Amino acid sequence: MLPQPKPDVFNPIRIDEKLCICCNLCDWICPGDVIYKEEDNKETMPVIAYPDECWYCGLCDSTCPTDAITIIFPKPMIDNQTDVVRLLGKVT
């Protein structure tokens, strides 16, 4: 059985149900196995099973043939003020 995401966990992947054609590509391409889609069932929508494990890589977004997926970055990631040298661990 698929685990239910915790309600207080930020969900970075938004799927527009009106645009989604339930093709399974997002499930297949996700390197973190964050998205779950019942295979060969066009009646079920993809589910973001593990939102807190998303790598924000955007593969699901770029692979979606109908642009039904949007990646939403959390505010702390957008407003990050850490310089690149420190982020890369090059501080001496």
N, C-alpha and C. Protein backbone atom coordinates (compact mmCIF):
# COMPACT_ATOMS: atom_id res chain seq x y z
N MET A 1 0.83 -1.19 0.00
CA MET A 1 0.00 0.00 0.00
C MET A 1 0.88 1.25 0.00
N LEU A 2 0.48 2.24 -0.75
CA LEU A 2 1.23 3.48 -0.89
C LEU A 2 1.09 4.34 0.37
N PRO A 3 2.21 4.82 0.93
CA PRO A 3 2.12 5.68 2.13
C PRO A 3 1.48 7.02 1.79
N GLN A 4 0.77 7.56 2.74
CA GLN A 4 0.15 8.87 2.58
C GLN A 4 1.12 9.94 3.07
N PRO A 5 1.37 10.98 2.25
CA PRO A 5 2.28 12.04 2.69
C PRO A 5 1.73 12.76 3.92
N LYS A 6 2.63 13.21 4.75
CA LYS A 6 2.24 13.98 5.93
C LYS A 6 1.70 15.33 5.49
N PRO A 7 0.63 15.82 6.12
CA PRO A 7 0.05 17.08 5.68
C PRO A 7 0.96 18.29 5.89
N ASP A 8 1.92 18.21 6.81
CA ASP A 8 2.79 19.35 7.09
C ASP A 8 4.06 19.35 6.24
N VAL A 9 4.22 18.37 5.35
CA VAL A 9 5.39 18.28 4.49
C VAL A 9 5.14 19.08 3.22
N PHE A 10 6.10 19.93 2.86
CA PHE A 10 5.99 20.74 1.65
C PHE A 10 5.98 19.83 0.43
N ASN A 11 5.02 20.02 -0.46
CA ASN A 11 4.92 19.23 -1.68
C ASN A 11 5.45 20.06 -2.84
N PRO A 12 6.64 19.71 -3.35
CA PRO A 12 7.25 20.52 -4.40
C PRO A 12 6.73 20.25 -5.81
N ILE A 13 5.96 19.17 -5.98
CA ILE A 13 5.51 18.79 -7.31
C ILE A 13 4.00 19.00 -7.42
N ARG A 14 3.61 19.87 -8.34
CA ARG A 14 2.17 20.12 -8.57
C ARG A 14 1.80 19.51 -9.91
N ILE A 15 0.73 18.73 -9.92
CA ILE A 15 0.25 18.11 -11.15
C ILE A 15 -1.14 18.64 -11.45
N ASP A 16 -1.29 19.25 -12.60
CA ASP A 16 -2.58 19.79 -13.03
C ASP A 16 -3.42 18.63 -13.57
N GLU A 17 -4.45 18.28 -12.85
CA GLU A 17 -5.29 17.14 -13.21
C GLU A 17 -6.00 17.35 -14.55
N LYS A 18 -6.20 18.60 -14.94
CA LYS A 18 -6.87 18.89 -16.21
C LYS A 18 -5.95 18.63 -17.40
N LEU A 19 -4.64 18.76 -17.19
CA LEU A 19 -3.68 18.57 -18.27
C LEU A 19 -3.06 17.18 -18.29
N CYS A 20 -3.02 16.51 -17.15
CA CYS A 20 -2.37 15.21 -17.04
C CYS A 20 -3.11 14.15 -17.86
N ILE A 21 -2.33 13.39 -18.65
CA ILE A 21 -2.92 12.32 -19.46
C ILE A 21 -2.59 10.94 -18.87
N CYS A 22 -2.06 10.91 -17.66
CA CYS A 22 -1.78 9.66 -16.93
C CYS A 22 -0.89 8.72 -17.73
N CYS A 23 0.19 9.25 -18.28
CA CYS A 23 1.06 8.49 -19.18
C CYS A 23 2.15 7.69 -18.47
N ASN A 24 2.36 7.92 -17.19
CA ASN A 24 3.38 7.23 -16.38
C ASN A 24 4.80 7.75 -16.56
N LEU A 25 5.04 8.70 -17.46
CA LEU A 25 6.40 9.17 -17.69
C LEU A 25 7.04 9.78 -16.45
N CYS A 26 6.27 10.53 -15.68
CA CYS A 26 6.83 11.17 -14.48
C CYS A 26 7.28 10.12 -13.46
N ASP A 27 6.50 9.06 -13.32
CA ASP A 27 6.86 7.97 -12.42
C ASP A 27 8.14 7.29 -12.90
N TRP A 28 8.23 7.02 -14.18
CA TRP A 28 9.39 6.32 -14.73
C TRP A 28 10.67 7.15 -14.64
N ILE A 29 10.57 8.46 -14.83
CA ILE A 29 11.77 9.31 -14.93
C ILE A 29 12.29 9.80 -13.57
N CYS A 30 11.47 9.82 -12.55
CA CYS A 30 11.86 10.39 -11.26
C CYS A 30 12.99 9.57 -10.63
N PRO A 31 14.20 10.16 -10.46
CA PRO A 31 15.34 9.42 -9.92
C PRO A 31 15.19 9.10 -8.43
N GLY A 32 14.35 9.84 -7.73
CA GLY A 32 14.18 9.62 -6.30
C GLY A 32 12.97 8.75 -5.99
N ASP A 33 12.28 8.30 -7.01
CA ASP A 33 11.07 7.48 -6.84
C ASP A 33 10.03 8.20 -5.97
N VAL A 34 9.96 9.51 -6.15
CA VAL A 34 9.04 10.35 -5.37
C VAL A 34 7.61 10.23 -5.88
N ILE A 35 7.47 10.05 -7.19
CA ILE A 35 6.15 10.00 -7.82
C ILE A 35 5.74 8.54 -8.02
N TYR A 36 4.49 8.24 -7.69
CA TYR A 36 3.96 6.90 -7.90
C TYR A 36 2.76 6.98 -8.83
N LYS A 37 2.74 6.13 -9.82
CA LYS A 37 1.60 6.05 -10.75
C LYS A 37 1.30 4.59 -10.99
N GLU A 38 0.06 4.20 -10.77
CA GLU A 38 -0.34 2.83 -11.03
C GLU A 38 -0.14 2.55 -12.52
N GLU A 39 0.73 1.61 -12.82
CA GLU A 39 1.12 1.33 -14.20
C GLU A 39 -0.05 0.79 -15.03
N ASP A 40 -0.10 1.24 -16.27
CA ASP A 40 -1.11 0.78 -17.24
C ASP A 40 -2.55 1.03 -16.80
N ASN A 41 -2.75 2.04 -15.98
CA ASN A 41 -4.11 2.40 -15.57
C ASN A 41 -4.32 3.88 -15.86
N LYS A 42 -5.01 4.16 -16.94
CA LYS A 42 -5.25 5.56 -17.36
C LYS A 42 -6.30 6.26 -16.50
N GLU A 43 -6.88 5.54 -15.57
CA GLU A 43 -7.92 6.12 -14.70
C GLU A 43 -7.34 6.76 -13.44
N THR A 44 -6.10 6.42 -13.08
CA THR A 44 -5.52 6.94 -11.84
C THR A 44 -4.48 8.02 -12.13
N MET A 45 -4.50 9.03 -11.29
CA MET A 45 -3.54 10.13 -11.39
C MET A 45 -2.23 9.75 -10.68
N PRO A 46 -1.12 10.35 -11.08
CA PRO A 46 0.12 10.14 -10.34
C PRO A 46 -0.02 10.73 -8.93
N VAL A 47 0.67 10.13 -7.99
CA VAL A 47 0.64 10.56 -6.60
C VAL A 47 2.06 10.95 -6.19
N ILE A 48 2.18 12.05 -5.47
CA ILE A 48 3.48 12.45 -4.94
C ILE A 48 3.61 11.71 -3.61
N ALA A 49 4.23 10.54 -3.66
CA ALA A 49 4.27 9.64 -2.51
C ALA A 49 5.26 10.08 -1.43
N TYR A 50 6.37 10.66 -1.84
CA TYR A 50 7.42 11.04 -0.89
C TYR A 50 7.88 12.47 -1.18
N PRO A 51 7.05 13.48 -0.92
CA PRO A 51 7.39 14.86 -1.27
C PRO A 51 8.65 15.38 -0.58
N ASP A 52 8.92 14.89 0.62
CA ASP A 52 10.10 15.38 1.35
C ASP A 52 11.40 14.79 0.81
N GLU A 53 11.33 13.87 -0.15
CA GLU A 53 12.52 13.29 -0.75
C GLU A 53 12.81 13.83 -2.15
N CYS A 54 12.03 14.81 -2.59
CA CYS A 54 12.22 15.39 -3.92
C CYS A 54 13.58 16.09 -4.00
N TRP A 55 14.28 15.88 -5.12
CA TRP A 55 15.60 16.49 -5.35
C TRP A 55 15.48 17.81 -6.11
N TYR A 56 14.28 18.19 -6.51
CA TYR A 56 14.06 19.42 -7.29
C TYR A 56 14.84 19.40 -8.60
N CYS A 57 15.03 18.23 -9.16
CA CYS A 57 15.82 18.12 -10.39
C CYS A 57 15.04 18.57 -11.62
N GLY A 58 13.71 18.49 -11.58
CA GLY A 58 12.89 18.95 -12.68
C GLY A 58 12.71 17.96 -13.82
N LEU A 59 13.19 16.73 -13.66
CA LEU A 59 13.03 15.75 -14.73
C LEU A 59 11.56 15.45 -15.02
N CYS A 60 10.75 15.37 -13.99
CA CYS A 60 9.32 15.10 -14.21
C CYS A 60 8.69 16.24 -15.00
N ASP A 61 9.03 17.45 -14.64
CA ASP A 61 8.52 18.65 -15.31
C ASP A 61 8.94 18.68 -16.78
N SER A 62 10.22 18.43 -17.03
CA SER A 62 10.72 18.51 -18.41
C SER A 62 10.28 17.34 -19.28
N THR A 63 9.92 16.23 -18.68
CA THR A 63 9.49 15.04 -19.42
C THR A 63 8.00 15.03 -19.74
N CYS A 64 7.22 15.73 -18.95
CA CYS A 64 5.77 15.72 -19.11
C CYS A 64 5.37 16.25 -20.50
N PRO A 65 4.67 15.43 -21.30
CA PRO A 65 4.32 15.86 -22.66
C PRO A 65 3.22 16.92 -22.73
N THR A 66 2.51 17.12 -21.63
CA THR A 66 1.41 18.09 -21.65
C THR A 66 1.65 19.29 -20.73
N ASP A 67 2.85 19.41 -20.18
CA ASP A 67 3.20 20.49 -19.24
C ASP A 67 2.25 20.52 -18.04
N ALA A 68 1.87 19.35 -17.56
CA ALA A 68 0.96 19.24 -16.42
C ALA A 68 1.69 19.36 -15.08
N ILE A 69 3.02 19.28 -15.11
CA ILE A 69 3.80 19.29 -13.86
C ILE A 69 4.56 20.60 -13.70
N THR A 70 4.51 21.10 -12.47
CA THR A 70 5.26 22.30 -12.10
C THR A 70 6.03 22.00 -10.83
N ILE A 71 7.29 22.40 -10.79
CA ILE A 71 8.10 22.27 -9.59
C ILE A 71 8.02 23.58 -8.83
N ILE A 72 7.69 23.50 -7.56
CA ILE A 72 7.58 24.67 -6.70
C ILE A 72 8.72 24.63 -5.68
N PHE A 73 9.57 25.63 -5.71
CA PHE A 73 10.68 25.70 -4.77
C PHE A 73 10.22 26.39 -3.49
N PRO A 74 10.60 25.86 -2.32
CA PRO A 74 10.22 26.50 -1.05
C PRO A 74 10.97 27.81 -0.87
N LYS A 75 10.38 28.68 -0.11
CA LYS A 75 10.93 30.02 0.11
C LYS A 75 12.38 30.00 0.60
N PRO A 76 12.75 29.13 1.55
CA PRO A 76 14.17 29.12 1.99
C PRO A 76 15.15 28.81 0.85
N MET A 77 14.73 28.04 -0.13
CA MET A 77 15.62 27.75 -1.26
C MET A 77 15.73 28.96 -2.18
N ILE A 78 14.65 29.66 -2.37
CA ILE A 78 14.63 30.82 -3.25
C ILE A 78 15.39 31.99 -2.63
N ASP A 79 15.21 32.18 -1.33
CA ASP A 79 15.82 33.30 -0.63
C ASP A 79 17.20 32.99 -0.05
N ASN A 80 17.82 31.91 -0.46
CA ASN A 80 19.11 31.51 0.08
C ASN A 80 20.16 32.58 -0.20
N GLN A 81 20.86 33.02 0.84
CA GLN A 81 21.88 34.05 0.71
C GLN A 81 23.29 33.50 0.85
N THR A 82 23.43 32.18 0.93
CA THR A 82 24.75 31.55 1.07
C THR A 82 25.51 31.67 -0.25
N ASP A 83 26.77 32.09 -0.17
CA ASP A 83 27.55 32.24 -1.39
C ASP A 83 27.93 30.87 -1.95
N VAL A 84 28.20 30.82 -3.23
CA VAL A 84 28.47 29.57 -3.94
C VAL A 84 29.69 28.85 -3.37
N VAL A 85 30.73 29.58 -3.01
CA VAL A 85 31.94 28.96 -2.47
C VAL A 85 31.61 28.16 -1.21
N ARG A 86 30.81 28.73 -0.32
CA ARG A 86 30.42 28.03 0.91
C ARG A 86 29.52 26.85 0.60
N LEU A 87 28.60 27.01 -0.36
CA LEU A 87 27.71 25.90 -0.72
C LEU A 87 28.48 24.71 -1.27
N LEU A 88 29.56 24.97 -1.98
CA LEU A 88 30.37 23.90 -2.56
C LEU A 88 31.39 23.33 -1.57
N GLY A 89 31.42 23.87 -0.36
CA GLY A 89 32.33 23.36 0.64
C GLY A 89 33.78 23.74 0.43
N LYS A 90 34.03 24.86 -0.25
CA LYS A 90 35.39 25.28 -0.57
C LYS A 90 35.94 26.28 0.45
N VAL A 91 35.30 26.39 1.59
CA VAL A 91 35.74 27.32 2.60
C VAL A 91 36.98 26.77 3.29
N THR A 92 38.00 27.60 3.40
CA THR A 92 39.26 27.14 4.04
C THR A 92 39.38 27.66 5.44
